[in-house]
Structures are given as structure tokens and as C-alpha cells.
């Protein structure tokens, strides 16, 4: 399991590759990262902390971060549901 710093670096790299930015508010980012790591510890996967884990593995795999919804949410709303990824200002 990754620690919080490793997870942050990994998600920063992913965000950059996708043309997104990672949540710039360190307090909010820390809260989201803690939720991801807690879900990994409790459920075995880094489920998005903003989504409900149902226990149905097939259904829940859609919400493993980065979830299947985040790209459309960033495109349409400027951020994903949990505000981890934001639309780049570029």
C-alpha cells in the first residue's frame, strides 16, 4: 500500500498526463488522500471517498480512483465529484 506522499505524487503525474490539475488546497487534498487510503485499507481498493461502496465488486470497480466518471465530470463541471481533479486553467 502506498503512503500519502507516494499516492499524491502518483496522482499528480496522472493529472498532468490527463491535462488536469490536482486539488491545490493542501488541507482538502490531504482529506481526499486520507479517504482513498482508508478505503484501500478497509475495502482492498482505493475507492473514491465521494462515492458509496456497495459491496458488489463488479459495480464497485467503476469507483476505484481514478473512477470512470472523473473525466466527464472535469470536462462538464470543472472538477470531479470529490474535487481531487480539476480542469486546468491552461
N, C-alpha and C. Protein backbone atom coordinates (compact mmCIF):
# COMPACT_ATOMS: atom_id res chain seq x y z
N UNK A 1 0.84 -1.19 0.00
CA UNK A 1 0.00 0.00 0.00
C UNK A 1 0.89 1.25 0.00
N UNK A 2 0.52 2.21 -0.80
CA UNK A 2 1.27 3.47 -0.87
C UNK A 2 1.03 4.30 0.38
N UNK A 3 2.00 5.15 0.69
CA UNK A 3 1.74 6.14 1.73
C UNK A 3 1.15 7.38 1.06
N UNK A 4 0.77 8.35 1.86
CA UNK A 4 0.08 9.54 1.34
C UNK A 4 0.93 10.32 0.33
N UNK A 5 2.21 10.46 0.60
CA UNK A 5 3.10 11.20 -0.32
C UNK A 5 3.26 10.48 -1.65
N UNK A 6 3.42 9.17 -1.60
CA UNK A 6 3.54 8.38 -2.84
C UNK A 6 2.26 8.47 -3.66
N UNK A 7 1.13 8.37 -2.99
CA UNK A 7 -0.15 8.47 -3.67
C UNK A 7 -0.31 9.85 -4.31
N UNK A 8 0.06 10.89 -3.58
CA UNK A 8 -0.03 12.25 -4.11
C UNK A 8 0.82 12.40 -5.37
N UNK A 9 2.06 11.92 -5.32
CA UNK A 9 2.94 12.01 -6.50
C UNK A 9 2.36 11.24 -7.68
N UNK A 10 1.84 10.07 -7.42
CA UNK A 10 1.24 9.25 -8.48
C UNK A 10 0.04 9.96 -9.11
N UNK A 11 -0.81 10.54 -8.29
CA UNK A 11 -1.99 11.23 -8.80
C UNK A 11 -1.63 12.55 -9.48
N UNK A 12 -0.58 13.22 -9.02
CA UNK A 12 -0.11 14.43 -9.70
C UNK A 12 0.35 14.08 -11.12
N UNK A 13 1.08 13.00 -11.24
CA UNK A 13 1.57 12.56 -12.55
C UNK A 13 0.38 12.22 -13.46
N UNK A 14 -0.57 11.48 -12.92
CA UNK A 14 -1.76 11.12 -13.70
C UNK A 14 -2.50 12.38 -14.14
N UNK A 15 -2.72 13.30 -13.22
CA UNK A 15 -3.45 14.53 -13.54
C UNK A 15 -2.74 15.30 -14.65
N UNK A 16 -1.43 15.41 -14.56
CA UNK A 16 -0.66 16.12 -15.58
C UNK A 16 -0.80 15.44 -16.94
N UNK A 17 -0.73 14.11 -16.95
CA UNK A 17 -0.87 13.36 -18.21
C UNK A 17 -2.25 13.58 -18.84
N UNK A 18 -3.27 13.79 -18.01
CA UNK A 18 -4.63 13.97 -18.50
C UNK A 18 -4.98 15.43 -18.79
N UNK A 19 -4.07 16.35 -18.45
CA UNK A 19 -4.35 17.77 -18.66
C UNK A 19 -5.17 18.37 -17.52
N UNK A 20 -5.20 17.68 -16.37
CA UNK A 20 -5.91 18.17 -15.19
C UNK A 20 -4.90 18.74 -14.22
N UNK A 21 -5.39 19.33 -13.15
CA UNK A 21 -4.55 19.68 -12.01
C UNK A 21 -5.12 18.97 -10.79
N UNK A 22 -4.23 18.66 -9.87
CA UNK A 22 -4.64 18.04 -8.62
C UNK A 22 -5.12 19.14 -7.68
N UNK A 23 -6.04 18.82 -6.82
CA UNK A 23 -6.59 19.78 -5.85
C UNK A 23 -5.46 20.61 -5.23
N UNK A 24 -5.48 21.93 -5.43
CA UNK A 24 -4.39 22.77 -4.93
C UNK A 24 -4.48 23.09 -3.43
N UNK A 25 -5.66 22.97 -2.84
CA UNK A 25 -5.83 23.24 -1.42
C UNK A 25 -5.28 22.04 -0.64
N UNK A 26 -4.16 22.23 0.03
CA UNK A 26 -3.47 21.12 0.71
C UNK A 26 -4.34 20.44 1.76
N UNK A 27 -5.13 21.19 2.47
CA UNK A 27 -5.99 20.61 3.51
C UNK A 27 -7.06 19.71 2.88
N UNK A 28 -7.68 20.20 1.83
CA UNK A 28 -8.70 19.42 1.13
C UNK A 28 -8.07 18.20 0.47
N UNK A 29 -6.91 18.38 -0.16
CA UNK A 29 -6.21 17.27 -0.80
C UNK A 29 -5.85 16.20 0.22
N UNK A 30 -5.36 16.61 1.36
CA UNK A 30 -4.99 15.68 2.42
C UNK A 30 -6.21 14.86 2.87
N UNK A 31 -7.35 15.49 2.97
CA UNK A 31 -8.58 14.83 3.36
C UNK A 31 -8.99 13.77 2.33
N UNK A 32 -8.88 14.12 1.04
CA UNK A 32 -9.24 13.19 -0.04
C UNK A 32 -8.27 12.01 -0.07
N UNK A 33 -6.97 12.30 0.02
CA UNK A 33 -5.97 11.24 0.01
C UNK A 33 -6.17 10.29 1.19
N UNK A 34 -6.47 10.84 2.36
CA UNK A 34 -6.72 10.01 3.54
C UNK A 34 -7.93 9.10 3.30
N UNK A 35 -8.95 9.62 2.65
CA UNK A 35 -10.14 8.82 2.33
C UNK A 35 -9.83 7.69 1.36
N UNK A 36 -9.02 7.99 0.37
CA UNK A 36 -8.61 6.95 -0.59
C UNK A 36 -7.83 5.84 0.11
N UNK A 37 -6.88 6.23 0.95
CA UNK A 37 -6.07 5.23 1.65
C UNK A 37 -6.90 4.45 2.68
N UNK A 38 -7.83 5.11 3.32
CA UNK A 38 -8.72 4.43 4.27
C UNK A 38 -9.58 3.40 3.55
N UNK A 39 -10.09 3.76 2.38
CA UNK A 39 -10.89 2.81 1.60
C UNK A 39 -10.05 1.63 1.15
N UNK A 40 -8.80 1.90 0.78
CA UNK A 40 -7.92 0.80 0.39
C UNK A 40 -7.69 -0.14 1.57
N UNK A 41 -7.49 0.43 2.74
CA UNK A 41 -7.25 -0.38 3.94
C UNK A 41 -8.51 -1.17 4.33
N UNK A 42 -9.66 -0.52 4.25
CA UNK A 42 -10.91 -1.16 4.68
C UNK A 42 -11.54 -2.07 3.64
N UNK A 43 -11.37 -1.75 2.36
CA UNK A 43 -12.07 -2.47 1.29
C UNK A 43 -11.14 -3.15 0.29
N UNK A 44 -9.84 -2.88 0.38
CA UNK A 44 -8.90 -3.52 -0.53
C UNK A 44 -8.63 -2.75 -1.80
N UNK A 45 -9.37 -1.68 -2.04
CA UNK A 45 -9.18 -0.85 -3.23
C UNK A 45 -9.32 0.62 -2.84
N UNK A 46 -8.68 1.50 -3.65
CA UNK A 46 -8.77 2.94 -3.41
C UNK A 46 -10.04 3.48 -4.04
N UNK A 47 -11.17 3.16 -3.43
CA UNK A 47 -12.44 3.67 -3.93
C UNK A 47 -12.52 5.16 -3.66
N UNK A 48 -13.14 5.89 -4.59
CA UNK A 48 -13.32 7.33 -4.42
C UNK A 48 -14.06 7.57 -3.10
N UNK A 49 -13.55 8.48 -2.28
CA UNK A 49 -14.20 8.73 -0.99
C UNK A 49 -15.55 9.43 -1.13
N UNK A 50 -15.84 9.96 -2.30
CA UNK A 50 -17.11 10.66 -2.50
C UNK A 50 -18.21 9.72 -3.02
N UNK A 51 -17.88 8.47 -3.21
CA UNK A 51 -18.86 7.51 -3.75
C UNK A 51 -19.11 6.39 -2.75
N UNK A 52 -20.30 5.86 -2.77
CA UNK A 52 -20.69 4.81 -1.84
C UNK A 52 -20.24 3.45 -2.34
N UNK A 53 -19.53 2.73 -1.49
CA UNK A 53 -19.10 1.36 -1.79
C UNK A 53 -20.30 0.45 -1.51
N UNK A 54 -20.70 -0.33 -2.52
CA UNK A 54 -21.90 -1.16 -2.38
C UNK A 54 -21.60 -2.56 -1.88
N UNK A 55 -20.36 -3.01 -2.09
CA UNK A 55 -20.03 -4.39 -1.75
C UNK A 55 -20.11 -5.30 -2.97
N UNK A 56 -20.71 -4.80 -4.04
CA UNK A 56 -20.78 -5.53 -5.31
C UNK A 56 -19.50 -5.22 -6.07
N UNK A 57 -18.56 -6.17 -6.09
CA UNK A 57 -17.23 -5.92 -6.66
C UNK A 57 -17.30 -5.45 -8.12
N UNK A 58 -18.19 -6.02 -8.90
CA UNK A 58 -18.31 -5.64 -10.31
C UNK A 58 -18.77 -4.19 -10.44
N UNK A 59 -19.76 -3.82 -9.66
CA UNK A 59 -20.27 -2.45 -9.68
C UNK A 59 -19.25 -1.47 -9.09
N UNK A 60 -18.62 -1.88 -7.98
CA UNK A 60 -17.70 -1.00 -7.27
C UNK A 60 -16.40 -0.75 -8.02
N UNK A 61 -16.01 -1.62 -8.95
CA UNK A 61 -14.75 -1.38 -9.66
C UNK A 61 -14.82 -0.09 -10.48
N UNK A 62 -16.02 0.38 -10.78
CA UNK A 62 -16.19 1.65 -11.50
C UNK A 62 -15.77 2.86 -10.68
N UNK A 63 -15.71 2.69 -9.34
CA UNK A 63 -15.41 3.83 -8.48
C UNK A 63 -14.02 3.75 -7.86
N UNK A 64 -13.18 2.87 -8.42
CA UNK A 64 -11.78 2.85 -7.99
C UNK A 64 -11.11 4.07 -8.61
N UNK A 65 -10.45 4.86 -7.80
CA UNK A 65 -9.82 6.10 -8.25
C UNK A 65 -8.62 5.82 -9.16
N UNK A 66 -8.52 6.48 -10.29
CA UNK A 66 -9.48 7.43 -10.85
C UNK A 66 -10.68 6.69 -11.44
N UNK A 67 -11.86 7.08 -11.00
CA UNK A 67 -13.09 6.37 -11.37
C UNK A 67 -13.48 6.64 -12.82
N UNK A 68 -14.46 5.89 -13.29
CA UNK A 68 -14.87 6.03 -14.69
C UNK A 68 -15.60 7.34 -14.96
N UNK A 69 -16.00 8.02 -13.90
CA UNK A 69 -16.79 9.25 -14.06
C UNK A 69 -15.96 10.53 -14.12
N UNK A 70 -14.72 10.48 -13.66
CA UNK A 70 -13.97 11.72 -13.41
C UNK A 70 -13.70 12.55 -14.66
N UNK A 71 -13.42 11.92 -15.80
CA UNK A 71 -13.11 12.71 -17.00
C UNK A 71 -14.30 13.54 -17.46
N UNK A 72 -15.47 12.94 -17.50
CA UNK A 72 -16.67 13.69 -17.89
C UNK A 72 -17.01 14.77 -16.87
N UNK A 73 -16.82 14.46 -15.59
CA UNK A 73 -17.11 15.46 -14.55
C UNK A 73 -16.18 16.66 -14.67
N UNK A 74 -14.90 16.41 -14.89
CA UNK A 74 -13.95 17.52 -15.04
C UNK A 74 -14.31 18.33 -16.28
N UNK A 75 -14.62 17.64 -17.36
CA UNK A 75 -14.98 18.33 -18.60
C UNK A 75 -16.24 19.18 -18.43
N UNK A 76 -17.26 18.60 -17.79
CA UNK A 76 -18.55 19.28 -17.69
C UNK A 76 -18.68 20.22 -16.49
N UNK A 77 -18.05 19.85 -15.37
CA UNK A 77 -18.23 20.62 -14.14
C UNK A 77 -16.98 21.39 -13.70
N UNK A 78 -15.85 21.10 -14.34
CA UNK A 78 -14.61 21.76 -13.95
C UNK A 78 -13.85 21.03 -12.85
N UNK A 79 -14.44 19.95 -12.33
CA UNK A 79 -13.82 19.15 -11.28
C UNK A 79 -14.55 17.82 -11.19
N UNK A 80 -13.88 16.82 -10.63
CA UNK A 80 -14.56 15.56 -10.38
C UNK A 80 -15.39 15.70 -9.11
N UNK A 81 -16.22 14.72 -8.81
CA UNK A 81 -17.16 14.81 -7.69
C UNK A 81 -16.48 15.07 -6.35
N UNK A 82 -15.31 14.49 -6.14
CA UNK A 82 -14.66 14.69 -4.83
C UNK A 82 -13.64 15.84 -4.87
N UNK A 83 -13.55 16.54 -5.99
CA UNK A 83 -12.67 17.69 -6.15
C UNK A 83 -11.18 17.32 -6.09
N UNK A 84 -10.86 16.07 -6.42
CA UNK A 84 -9.47 15.66 -6.49
C UNK A 84 -8.82 16.20 -7.75
N UNK A 85 -9.52 16.03 -8.87
CA UNK A 85 -9.02 16.51 -10.16
C UNK A 85 -9.81 17.74 -10.60
N UNK A 86 -9.08 18.76 -11.06
CA UNK A 86 -9.72 20.00 -11.51
C UNK A 86 -9.28 20.28 -12.94
N UNK A 87 -10.14 20.99 -13.65
CA UNK A 87 -9.82 21.40 -15.01
C UNK A 87 -8.63 22.35 -14.96
N UNK A 88 -7.68 22.14 -15.85
CA UNK A 88 -6.51 23.01 -15.91
C UNK A 88 -6.92 24.36 -16.45
N UNK A 89 -6.30 25.40 -15.94
CA UNK A 89 -6.60 26.77 -16.38
C UNK A 89 -5.92 27.09 -17.71
N UNK A 90 -5.04 26.19 -18.16
CA UNK A 90 -4.29 26.43 -19.41
C UNK A 90 -5.17 26.45 -20.61
